[in-house]
C-alpha atoms as a PDB file:
ATOM      1  CA  UNK A   1       0.000   0.000   0.000  1.00  0.00           C
ATOM      2  CA  UNK A   2       1.272   3.464  -0.925  1.00  0.00           C
ATOM      3  CA  UNK A   3       2.099   5.670   2.082  1.00  0.00           C
ATOM      4  CA  UNK A   4       0.854   9.172   1.356  1.00  0.00           C
ATOM      5  CA  UNK A   5      -0.086  12.409   3.010  1.00  0.00           C
ATOM      6  CA  UNK A   6      -2.081  15.376   1.766  1.00  0.00           C
ATOM      7  CA  UNK A   7      -0.227  18.576   0.953  1.00  0.00           C
ATOM      8  CA  UNK A   8      -1.220  22.056  -0.176  1.00  0.00           C
ATOM      9  CA  UNK A   9       0.254  24.199  -2.900  1.00  0.00           C
ATOM     10  CA  UNK A  10       1.518  27.319  -1.090  1.00  0.00           C
ATOM     11  CA  UNK A  11       3.546  28.952  -3.879  1.00  0.00           C
ATOM     12  CA  UNK A  12       3.516  28.824  -7.658  1.00  0.00           C
ATOM     13  CA  UNK A  13       5.864  30.682  -9.989  1.00  0.00           C
ATOM     14  CA  UNK A  14       5.493  30.201 -13.727  1.00  0.00           C
ATOM     15  CA  UNK A  15       8.957  30.729 -15.210  1.00  0.00           C
ATOM     16  CA  UNK A  16       7.798  30.148 -18.788  1.00  0.00           C
ATOM     17  CA  UNK A  17       4.875  28.427 -20.488  1.00  0.00           C
ATOM     18  CA  UNK A  18       6.302  24.964 -19.734  1.00  0.00           C
ATOM     19  CA  UNK A  19       8.415  25.511 -16.595  1.00  0.00           C
ATOM     20  CA  UNK A  20       7.101  26.100 -13.093  1.00  0.00           C
ATOM     21  CA  UNK A  21       8.355  26.236  -9.502  1.00  0.00           C
ATOM     22  CA  UNK A  22       5.995  24.813  -6.887  1.00  0.00           C
ATOM     23  CA  UNK A  23       6.162  24.709  -3.104  1.00  0.00           C
ATOM     24  CA  UNK A  24       4.118  22.145  -1.212  1.00  0.00           C
ATOM     25  CA  UNK A  25       3.449  21.861   2.522  1.00  0.00           C
ATOM     26  CA  UNK A  26       2.357  18.473   3.969  1.00  0.00           C
ATOM     27  CA  UNK A  27      -0.652  18.739   6.258  1.00  0.00           C
ATOM     28  CA  UNK A  28       1.093  16.731   9.003  1.00  0.00           C
ATOM     29  CA  UNK A  29       4.312  18.718   8.919  1.00  0.00           C
ATOM     30  CA  UNK A  30       7.592  18.212   7.125  1.00  0.00           C
ATOM     31  CA  UNK A  31       9.088  14.719   7.363  1.00  0.00           C
ATOM     32  CA  UNK A  32      12.787  14.034   7.751  1.00  0.00           C
ATOM     33  CA  UNK A  33      14.625  13.442   4.497  1.00  0.00           C
ATOM     34  CA  UNK A  34      18.068  13.565   2.947  1.00  0.00           C
ATOM     35  CA  UNK A  35      19.217  16.286   0.568  1.00  0.00           C
ATOM     36  CA  UNK A  36      19.209  14.841  -2.947  1.00  0.00           C
ATOM     37  CA  UNK A  37      16.190  12.588  -2.521  1.00  0.00           C
ATOM     38  CA  UNK A  38      12.943  12.589  -4.512  1.00  0.00           C
ATOM     39  CA  UNK A  39       9.298  11.856  -3.771  1.00  0.00           C
ATOM     40  CA  UNK A  40       6.111  11.095  -5.652  1.00  0.00           C
ATOM     41  CA  UNK A  41       3.357  13.655  -6.194  1.00  0.00           C
ATOM     42  CA  UNK A  42      -0.103  12.228  -6.738  1.00  0.00           C
ATOM     43  CA  UNK A  43      -3.019  14.111  -8.274  1.00  0.00           C
ATOM     44  CA  UNK A  44      -6.585  12.973  -8.996  1.00  0.00           C
ATOM     45  CA  UNK A  45      -7.293  12.560 -12.709  1.00  0.00           C
ATOM     46  CA  UNK A  46     -11.054  13.187 -13.079  1.00  0.00           C
ATOM     47  CA  UNK A  47     -11.368  11.409 -16.411  1.00  0.00           C
ATOM     48  CA  UNK A  48      -9.776   8.264 -14.974  1.00  0.00           C
ATOM     49  CA  UNK A  49     -11.368   8.523 -11.525  1.00  0.00           C
ATOM     50  CA  UNK A  50      -8.121   7.673  -9.774  1.00  0.00           C
ATOM     51  CA  UNK A  51      -4.959   9.212  -8.358  1.00  0.00           C
ATOM     52  CA  UNK A  52      -1.973   9.117 -10.692  1.00  0.00           C
ATOM     53  CA  UNK A  53       1.551   9.558  -9.323  1.00  0.00           C
ATOM     54  CA  UNK A  54       4.927  10.614 -10.637  1.00  0.00           C
ATOM     55  CA  UNK A  55       8.344  11.017  -9.007  1.00  0.00           C
ATOM     56  CA  UNK A  56      10.020  14.441  -8.838  1.00  0.00           C
ATOM     57  CA  UNK A  57      13.416  15.506  -7.486  1.00  0.00           C
ATOM     58  CA  UNK A  58      13.254  17.741  -4.421  1.00  0.00           C
ATOM     59  CA  UNK A  59      14.844  21.135  -5.024  1.00  0.00           C
ATOM     60  CA  UNK A  60      14.750  22.150  -1.359  1.00  0.00           C
ATOM     61  CA  UNK A  61      17.314  20.940   1.182  1.00  0.00           C
ATOM     62  CA  UNK A  62      16.815  18.925   4.354  1.00  0.00           C
ATOM     63  CA  UNK A  63      17.506  21.937   6.593  1.00  0.00           C
ATOM     64  CA  UNK A  64      14.393  23.656   5.207  1.00  0.00           C
ATOM     65  CA  UNK A  65      11.571  22.701   7.545  1.00  0.00           C
ATOM     66  CA  UNK A  66       8.938  24.899   5.875  1.00  0.00           C
ATOM     67  CA  UNK A  67       8.112  23.337   2.491  1.00  0.00           C
ATOM     68  CA  UNK A  68       9.138  21.051  -0.354  1.00  0.00           C
ATOM     69  CA  UNK A  69      10.172  22.839  -3.538  1.00  0.00           C
ATOM     70  CA  UNK A  70      10.081  21.447  -7.073  1.00  0.00           C
ATOM     71  CA  UNK A  71      10.972  22.782 -10.516  1.00  0.00           C
ATOM     72  CA  UNK A  72       8.831  20.999 -13.094  1.00  0.00           C
ATOM     73  CA  UNK A  73       8.952  20.905 -16.865  1.00  0.00           C
ATOM     74  CA  UNK A  74       5.683  20.376 -18.751  1.00  0.00           C
ATOM     75  CA  UNK A  75       6.611  18.010 -21.565  1.00  0.00           C
ATOM     76  CA  UNK A  76       3.736  18.002 -24.048  1.00  0.00           C
ATOM     77  CA  UNK A  77       5.136  15.920 -26.909  1.00  0.00           C
ATOM     78  CA  UNK A  78       4.389  13.288 -28.007  1.00  0.00           C
ATOM     79  CA  UNK A  79       1.670  13.389 -25.311  1.00  0.00           C
ATOM     80  CA  UNK A  80       1.413  15.637 -22.240  1.00  0.00           C
ATOM     81  CA  UNK A  81       2.113  13.967 -18.921  1.00  0.00           C
ATOM     82  CA  UNK A  82      -1.018  13.477 -16.870  1.00  0.00           C
ATOM     83  CA  UNK A  83       0.443  14.463 -13.483  1.00  0.00           C
ATOM     84  CA  UNK A  84       2.529  17.321 -14.852  1.00  0.00           C
ATOM     85  CA  UNK A  85      -0.458  18.755 -16.715  1.00  0.00           C
ATOM     86  CA  UNK A  86      -2.557  18.792 -13.540  1.00  0.00           C
ATOM     87  CA  UNK A  87       0.279  20.449 -11.616  1.00  0.00           C
ATOM     88  CA  UNK A  88       0.543  23.183 -14.238  1.00  0.00           C
ATOM     89  CA  UNK A  89      -3.149  23.939 -13.749  1.00  0.00           C
ATOM     90  CA  UNK A  90      -2.856  23.807  -9.947  1.00  0.00           C
ATOM     91  CA  UNK A  91      -3.398  26.993  -7.943  1.00  0.00           C
ATOM     92  CA  UNK A  92      -2.261  28.066  -4.496  1.00  0.00           C
ATOM     93  CA  UNK A  93      -4.481  26.272  -1.987  1.00  0.00           C
ATOM     94  CA  UNK A  94      -5.044  23.164  -4.115  1.00  0.00           C
ATOM     95  CA  UNK A  95      -4.354  19.766  -2.578  1.00  0.00           C
ATOM     96  CA  UNK A  96      -2.097  17.005  -3.858  1.00  0.00           C
ATOM     97  CA  UNK A  97      -0.802  13.761  -2.351  1.00  0.00           C
ATOM     98  CA  UNK A  98       2.836  13.216  -1.380  1.00  0.00           C
ATOM     99  CA  UNK A  99       4.673   9.955  -0.947  1.00  0.00           C
ATOM    100  CA  UNK A 100       7.600   9.512   1.417  1.00  0.00           C
ATOM    101  CA  UNK A 101      10.977  10.977   0.409  1.00  0.00           C
ATOM    102  CA  UNK A 102      13.195   8.240  -0.970  1.00  0.00           C
ATOM    103  CA  UNK A 103      16.200   7.494  -3.170  1.00  0.00           C
ATOM    104  CA  UNK A 104      19.908   7.308  -2.402  1.00  0.00           C
ATOM    105  CA  UNK A 105      21.390   7.706  -5.900  1.00  0.00           C
ATOM    106  CA  UNK A 106      22.243  11.369  -5.250  1.00  0.00           C
ATOM    107  CA  UNK A 107      22.701  11.426  -1.504  1.00  0.00           C
ATOM    108  CA  UNK A 108      25.812  13.400  -0.606  1.00  0.00           C
ATOM    109  CA  UNK A 109      28.945  11.395   0.095  1.00  0.00           C
ATOM    110  CA  UNK A 110      30.378  12.647   3.387  1.00  0.00           C
ATOM    111  CA  UNK A 111      32.727   9.760   4.181  1.00  0.00           C
ATOM    112  CA  UNK A 112      35.386   7.924   2.191  1.00  0.00           C
ATOM    113  CA  UNK A 113      35.616   4.098   2.243  1.00  0.00           C
ATOM    114  CA  UNK A 114      38.440   4.328   4.801  1.00  0.00           C
ATOM    115  CA  UNK A 115      36.199   6.258   7.181  1.00  0.00           C
ATOM    116  CA  UNK A 116      37.827   9.627   6.664  1.00  0.00           C
ATOM    117  CA  UNK A 117      35.807  12.738   5.838  1.00  0.00           C
ATOM    118  CA  UNK A 118      35.175  13.209   2.126  1.00  0.00           C
ATOM    119  CA  UNK A 119      36.649  16.643   1.413  1.00  0.00           C
ATOM    120  CA  UNK A 120      36.754  16.303  -2.364  1.00  0.00           C
ATOM    121  CA  UNK A 121      35.458  19.048  -4.623  1.00  0.00           C
ATOM    122  CA  UNK A 122      31.750  18.498  -5.399  1.00  0.00           C
ATOM    123  CA  UNK A 123      30.850  18.946  -9.075  1.00  0.00           C
ATOM    124  CA  UNK A 124      27.137  18.814  -9.889  1.00  0.00           C
ATOM    125  CA  UNK A 125      25.973  18.370 -13.475  1.00  0.00           C
ATOM    126  CA  UNK A 126      22.299  19.056 -14.197  1.00  0.00           C
ATOM    127  CA  UNK A 127      20.594  18.844 -17.558  1.00  0.00           C
ATOM    128  CA  UNK A 128      17.302  20.782 -17.726  1.00  0.00           C
ATOM    129  CA  UNK A 129      15.223  20.137 -14.609  1.00  0.00           C
ATOM    130  CA  UNK A 130      17.978  17.737 -13.547  1.00  0.00           C
ATOM    131  CA  UNK A 131      19.287  20.851 -11.814  1.00  0.00           C
ATOM    132  CA  UNK A 132      16.689  20.405  -9.035  1.00  0.00           C
ATOM    133  CA  UNK A 133      18.641  18.183  -6.606  1.00  0.00           C
ATOM    134  CA  UNK A 134      21.689  20.413  -6.986  1.00  0.00           C
ATOM    135  CA  UNK A 135      19.759  23.474  -5.884  1.00  0.00           C
ATOM    136  CA  UNK A 136      19.205  21.465  -2.723  1.00  0.00           C
ATOM    137  CA  UNK A 137      22.940  20.646  -2.638  1.00  0.00           C
ATOM    138  CA  UNK A 138      23.918  24.314  -2.915  1.00  0.00           C
ATOM    139  CA  UNK A 139      21.580  25.385  -0.133  1.00  0.00           C
ATOM    140  CA  UNK A 140      22.647  22.464   2.065  1.00  0.00           C
ATOM    141  CA  UNK A 141      26.385  23.165   1.751  1.00  0.00           C
ATOM    142  CA  UNK A 142      25.758  26.876   2.283  1.00  0.00           C
ATOM    143  CA  UNK A 143      23.529  26.559   5.331  1.00  0.00           C
ATOM    144  CA  UNK A 144      25.670  23.896   7.045  1.00  0.00           C
ATOM    145  CA  UNK A 145      28.820  26.006   6.563  1.00  0.00           C
ATOM    146  CA  UNK A 146      30.501  23.197   4.639  1.00  0.00           C
ATOM    147  CA  UNK A 147      33.933  24.267   3.374  1.00  0.00           C
ATOM    148  CA  UNK A 148      34.092  21.898   0.393  1.00  0.00           C
ATOM    149  CA  UNK A 149      34.374  23.505  -3.027  1.00  0.00           C
ATOM    150  CA  UNK A 150      31.048  23.212  -4.856  1.00  0.00           C
ATOM    151  CA  UNK A 151      30.661  23.601  -8.620  1.00  0.00           C
ATOM    152  CA  UNK A 152      27.266  23.552 -10.321  1.00  0.00           C
ATOM    153  CA  UNK A 153      27.043  23.101 -14.085  1.00  0.00           C
ATOM    154  CA  UNK A 154      23.635  23.520 -15.711  1.00  0.00           C
ATOM    155  CA  UNK A 155      22.658  22.873 -19.297  1.00  0.00           C
ATOM    156  CA  UNK A 156      19.558  24.115 -21.120  1.00  0.00           C
ATOM    157  CA  UNK A 157      18.361  24.743 -24.651  1.00  0.00           C
ATOM    158  CA  UNK A 158      17.225  28.333 -24.036  1.00  0.00           C
ATOM    159  CA  UNK A 159      18.272  31.109 -21.681  1.00  0.00           C
ATOM    160  CA  UNK A 160      14.850  31.288 -20.029  1.00  0.00           C
ATOM    161  CA  UNK A 161      15.256  27.650 -18.939  1.00  0.00           C
ATOM    162  CA  UNK A 162      18.123  28.571 -16.600  1.00  0.00           C
ATOM    163  CA  UNK A 163      15.611  28.377 -13.778  1.00  0.00           C
ATOM    164  CA  UNK A 164      17.807  29.253 -10.797  1.00  0.00           C
ATOM    165  CA  UNK A 165      20.359  31.481 -12.509  1.00  0.00           C
ATOM    166  CA  UNK A 166      19.846  34.420 -10.134  1.00  0.00           C
ATOM    167  CA  UNK A 167      20.167  32.314  -6.994  1.00  0.00           C
ATOM    168  CA  UNK A 168      23.262  30.492  -8.213  1.00  0.00           C
ATOM    169  CA  UNK A 169      24.895  33.683  -9.473  1.00  0.00           C
ATOM    170  CA  UNK A 170      24.260  35.337  -6.108  1.00  0.00           C
ATOM    171  CA  UNK A 171      25.819  32.354  -4.309  1.00  0.00           C
ATOM    172  CA  UNK A 172      28.964  32.685  -6.438  1.00  0.00           C
ATOM    173  CA  UNK A 173      29.123  36.429  -5.833  1.00  0.00           C
ATOM    174  CA  UNK A 174      28.828  35.763  -2.103  1.00  0.00           C
ATOM    175  CA  UNK A 175      31.726  33.315  -2.373  1.00  0.00           C
ATOM    176  CA  UNK A 176      33.887  35.958  -4.029  1.00  0.00           C
ATOM    177  CA  UNK A 177      32.900  38.542  -1.413  1.00  0.00           C
ATOM    178  CA  UNK A 178      33.414  36.529   1.787  1.00  0.00           C
ATOM    179  CA  UNK A 179      36.365  34.489   0.521  1.00  0.00           C
ATOM    180  CA  UNK A 180      36.577  30.961  -0.789  1.00  0.00           C
ATOM    181  CA  UNK A 181      38.014  29.759   2.507  1.00  0.00           C
ATOM    182  CA  UNK A 182      34.571  30.434   4.000  1.00  0.00           C
ATOM    183  CA  UNK A 183      32.192  29.596   1.118  1.00  0.00           C
ATOM    184  CA  UNK A 184      33.678  28.061  -2.022  1.00  0.00           C
ATOM    185  CA  UNK A 185      31.077  28.039  -4.787  1.00  0.00           C
ATOM    186  CA  UNK A 186      31.115  28.303  -8.592  1.00  0.00           C
ATOM    187  CA  UNK A 187      28.305  28.235 -11.156  1.00  0.00           C
ATOM    188  CA  UNK A 188      28.401  27.924 -14.914  1.00  0.00           C
ATOM    189  CA  UNK A 189      25.641  27.375 -17.467  1.00  0.00           C
ATOM    190  CA  UNK A 190      25.653  26.095 -21.038  1.00  0.00           C
ATOM    191  CA  UNK A 191      23.176  26.821 -23.826  1.00  0.00           C
ATOM    192  CA  UNK A 192      22.899  24.094 -26.461  1.00  0.00           C
ATOM    193  CA  UNK A 193      21.154  26.179 -29.157  1.00  0.00           C
ATOM    194  CA  UNK A 194      23.162  29.402 -29.248  1.00  0.00           C
ATOM    195  CA  UNK A 195      22.326  30.238 -32.881  1.00  0.00           C
ATOM    196  CA  UNK A 196      18.598  30.504 -32.285  1.00  0.00           C
ATOM    197  CA  UNK A 197      17.294  34.082 -32.167  1.00  0.00           C
ATOM    198  CA  UNK A 198      15.903  33.806 -28.644  1.00  0.00           C
ATOM    199  CA  UNK A 199      19.421  33.060 -27.348  1.00  0.00           C
ATOM    200  CA  UNK A 200      21.080  35.958 -29.194  1.00  0.00           C
ATOM    201  CA  UNK A 201      22.180  37.675 -25.970  1.00  0.00           C
ATOM    202  CA  UNK A 202      23.981  34.596 -24.597  1.00  0.00           C
ATOM    203  CA  UNK A 203      27.760  34.975 -24.351  1.00  0.00           C
ATOM    204  CA  UNK A 204      28.554  32.089 -22.016  1.00  0.00           C
ATOM    205  CA  UNK A 205      29.479  28.463 -22.666  1.00  0.00           C
ATOM    206  CA  UNK A 206      27.745  26.824 -25.618  1.00  0.00           C
ATOM    207  CA  UNK A 207      26.954  23.166 -26.226  1.00  0.00           C
ATOM    208  CA  UNK A 208      25.452  20.472 -24.058  1.00  0.00           C
ATOM    209  CA  UNK A 209      26.348  20.527 -20.377  1.00  0.00           C
ATOM    210  CA  UNK A 210      28.606  17.461 -20.684  1.00  0.00           C
ATOM    211  CA  UNK A 211      30.865  19.500 -22.989  1.00  0.00           C
ATOM    212  CA  UNK A 212      32.270  21.201 -19.869  1.00  0.00           C
ATOM    213  CA  UNK A 213      34.349  18.034 -19.489  1.00  0.00           C
ATOM    214  CA  UNK A 214      35.698  17.915 -23.054  1.00  0.00           C
ATOM    215  CA  UNK A 215      39.420  18.777 -23.098  1.00  0.00           C
ATOM    216  CA  UNK A 216      40.736  21.557 -25.315  1.00  0.00           C
ATOM    217  CA  UNK A 217      42.957  20.196 -28.090  1.00  0.00           C
ATOM    218  CA  UNK A 218      45.681  22.764 -27.394  1.00  0.00           C
ATOM    219  CA  UNK A 219      45.800  22.878 -23.600  1.00  0.00           C
ATOM    220  CA  UNK A 220      44.453  19.429 -22.775  1.00  0.00           C
ATOM    221  CA  UNK A 221      42.326  21.048 -20.063  1.00  0.00           C
ATOM    222  CA  UNK A 222      38.544  20.938 -20.028  1.00  0.00           C
ATOM    223  CA  UNK A 223      36.497  24.100 -19.349  1.00  0.00           C
ATOM    224  CA  UNK A 224      35.690  22.930 -15.830  1.00  0.00           C
ATOM    225  CA  UNK A 225      39.380  22.216 -15.143  1.00  0.00           C
ATOM    226  CA  UNK A 226      40.332  25.668 -16.383  1.00  0.00           C
ATOM    227  CA  UNK A 227      37.709  27.113 -14.058  1.00  0.00           C
ATOM    228  CA  UNK A 228      38.941  25.329 -10.903  1.00  0.00           C
ATOM    229  CA  UNK A 229      42.595  25.679 -11.873  1.00  0.00           C
ATOM    230  CA  UNK A 230      43.723  22.056 -11.870  1.00  0.00           C
ATOM    231  CA  UNK A 231      43.174  18.656 -13.423  1.00  0.00           C
ATOM    232  CA  UNK A 232      40.105  16.867 -12.104  1.00  0.00           C
ATOM    233  CA  UNK A 233      40.883  13.463 -10.611  1.00  0.00           C
ATOM    234  CA  UNK A 234      38.972  10.935  -8.464  1.00  0.00           C
ATOM    235  CA  UNK A 235      41.186  11.988  -5.559  1.00  0.00           C
ATOM    236  CA  UNK A 236      40.225  15.660  -5.634  1.00  0.00           C
ATOM    237  CA  UNK A 237      36.688  15.635  -7.088  1.00  0.00           C
ATOM    238  CA  UNK A 238      33.412  13.714  -6.946  1.00  0.00           C
ATOM    239  CA  UNK A 239      30.857  14.157  -9.721  1.00  0.00           C
ATOM    240  CA  UNK A 240      27.072  14.082  -9.306  1.00  0.00           C
ATOM    241  CA  UNK A 241      24.903  13.952 -12.451  1.00  0.00           C
ATOM    242  CA  UNK A 242      21.151  14.243 -12.963  1.00  0.00           C
ATOM    243  CA  UNK A 243      19.533  14.335 -16.389  1.00  0.00           C
ATOM    244  CA  UNK A 244      18.910  12.291 -19.478  1.00  0.00           C
ATOM    245  CA  UNK A 245      20.989   9.171 -19.961  1.00  0.00           C
ATOM    246  CA  UNK A 246      22.841  10.827 -22.842  1.00  0.00           C
ATOM    247  CA  UNK A 247      24.123  13.519 -20.484  1.00  0.00           C
ATOM    248  CA  UNK A 248      25.205  10.939 -17.926  1.00  0.00           C
ATOM    249  CA  UNK A 249      26.974   8.798 -20.534  1.00  0.00           C
ATOM    250  CA  UNK A 250      28.705  11.843 -21.995  1.00  0.00           C
ATOM    251  CA  UNK A 251      30.196  12.870 -18.642  1.00  0.00           C
ATOM    252  CA  UNK A 252      31.228   9.306 -17.777  1.00  0.00           C
ATOM    253  CA  UNK A 253      32.898   8.822 -21.165  1.00  0.00           C
ATOM    254  CA  UNK A 254      34.890  12.046 -20.762  1.00  0.00           C
ATOM    255  CA  UNK A 255      36.132  11.083 -17.296  1.00  0.00           C
ATOM    256  CA  UNK A 256      36.823   7.391 -17.817  1.00  0.00           C
ATOM    257  CA  UNK A 257      40.410   7.995 -18.944  1.00  0.00           C
ATOM    258  CA  UNK A 258      41.079   9.880 -15.694  1.00  0.00           C
ATOM    259  CA  UNK A 259      40.191   6.843 -13.597  1.00  0.00           C
ATOM    260  CA  UNK A 260      36.667   7.854 -12.593  1.00  0.00           C
ATOM    261  CA  UNK A 261      34.238   5.004 -11.926  1.00  0.00           C
ATOM    262  CA  UNK A 262      30.606   5.150 -10.825  1.00  0.00           C
ATOM    263  CA  UNK A 263      29.214   4.097  -7.473  1.00  0.00           C
ATOM    264  CA  UNK A 264      27.827   1.014  -9.225  1.00  0.00           C
ATOM    265  CA  UNK A 265      31.323   0.001 -10.380  1.00  0.00           C
ATOM    266  CA  UNK A 266      33.345   0.675  -7.255  1.00  0.00           C
ATOM    267  CA  UNK A 267      37.054  -0.029  -7.196  1.00  0.00           C
ATOM    268  CA  UNK A 268      38.437  -2.838  -5.041  1.00  0.00           C
ATOM    269  CA  UNK A 269      38.886  -0.443  -2.119  1.00  0.00           C
ATOM    270  CA  UNK A 270      35.247   0.693  -2.360  1.00  0.00           C
ATOM    271  CA  UNK A 271      36.052   4.099  -3.812  1.00  0.00           C
ATOM    272  CA  UNK A 272      34.197   5.814  -6.654  1.00  0.00           C
ATOM    273  CA  UNK A 273      34.033   9.253  -8.233  1.00  0.00           C
ATOM    274  CA  UNK A 274      30.623   9.478  -9.921  1.00  0.00           C
ATOM    275  CA  UNK A 275      27.025   9.263  -8.681  1.00  0.00           C
ATOM    276  CA  UNK A 276      24.110   9.727 -11.029  1.00  0.00           C
ATOM    277  CA  UNK A 277      20.362   9.599 -11.462  1.00  0.00           C
ATOM    278  CA  UNK A 278      18.655   9.363 -14.860  1.00  0.00           C
ATOM    279  CA  UNK A 279      15.153  10.611 -15.633  1.00  0.00           C
ATOM    280  CA  UNK A 280      14.908   9.273 -19.155  1.00  0.00           C
END
């Protein structure tokens, strides 16, 4: 039997016609959960006379005791999703059903196999709404005063799909202001369709988000390595990826020659350098 609780929509921000931020508050209070987890949202489908559920990554962090936040894309082709469509028509005050937070694919690694603290650089790679769990990461590391270096890389087709650009830019500016010894954060975005008219103002990185890991033919350094100022290795960095399988495969392929392996293919000593979650 599915364990669920009712929740109300308390905030709704339409970022564009097919992208929305929602905040939900469970009627029995916020449950404990781990940053990086996901949960199911259930909505009644009148035509089917039943509740239909779908899993969504949680964009809020575990230290937030006020609400769950989600950033949701309304995919309408080839057919619109039933749950997503209902959520896009939801208004503040409407009720939905929430399952229990679950999932360990993107839970933060705090300890190495030898029991020592994991102080490696944290590099988060989000394609589209795959950014959601890494918004939670950024807020978690910030609010817990974690001194690890955090890098968030986000890929989108259009500039108006960079859903948390202001927040992430502000976090990087704060890092520069207070000093990286106190808060060490970097953010970069990539636009995959730079030649389209709507993206004419974009002057940042172009290509899919996994291209941040492609080495330059002259220098041998990838854009992310040039940003952090050193070669990325499994000893100094751990990579978290959320997005389509193509994005995940692209990052893994680029890092394989450097000795990175996934959590599912741990080395003999139990170590790994990549964790990922695919949504398609």
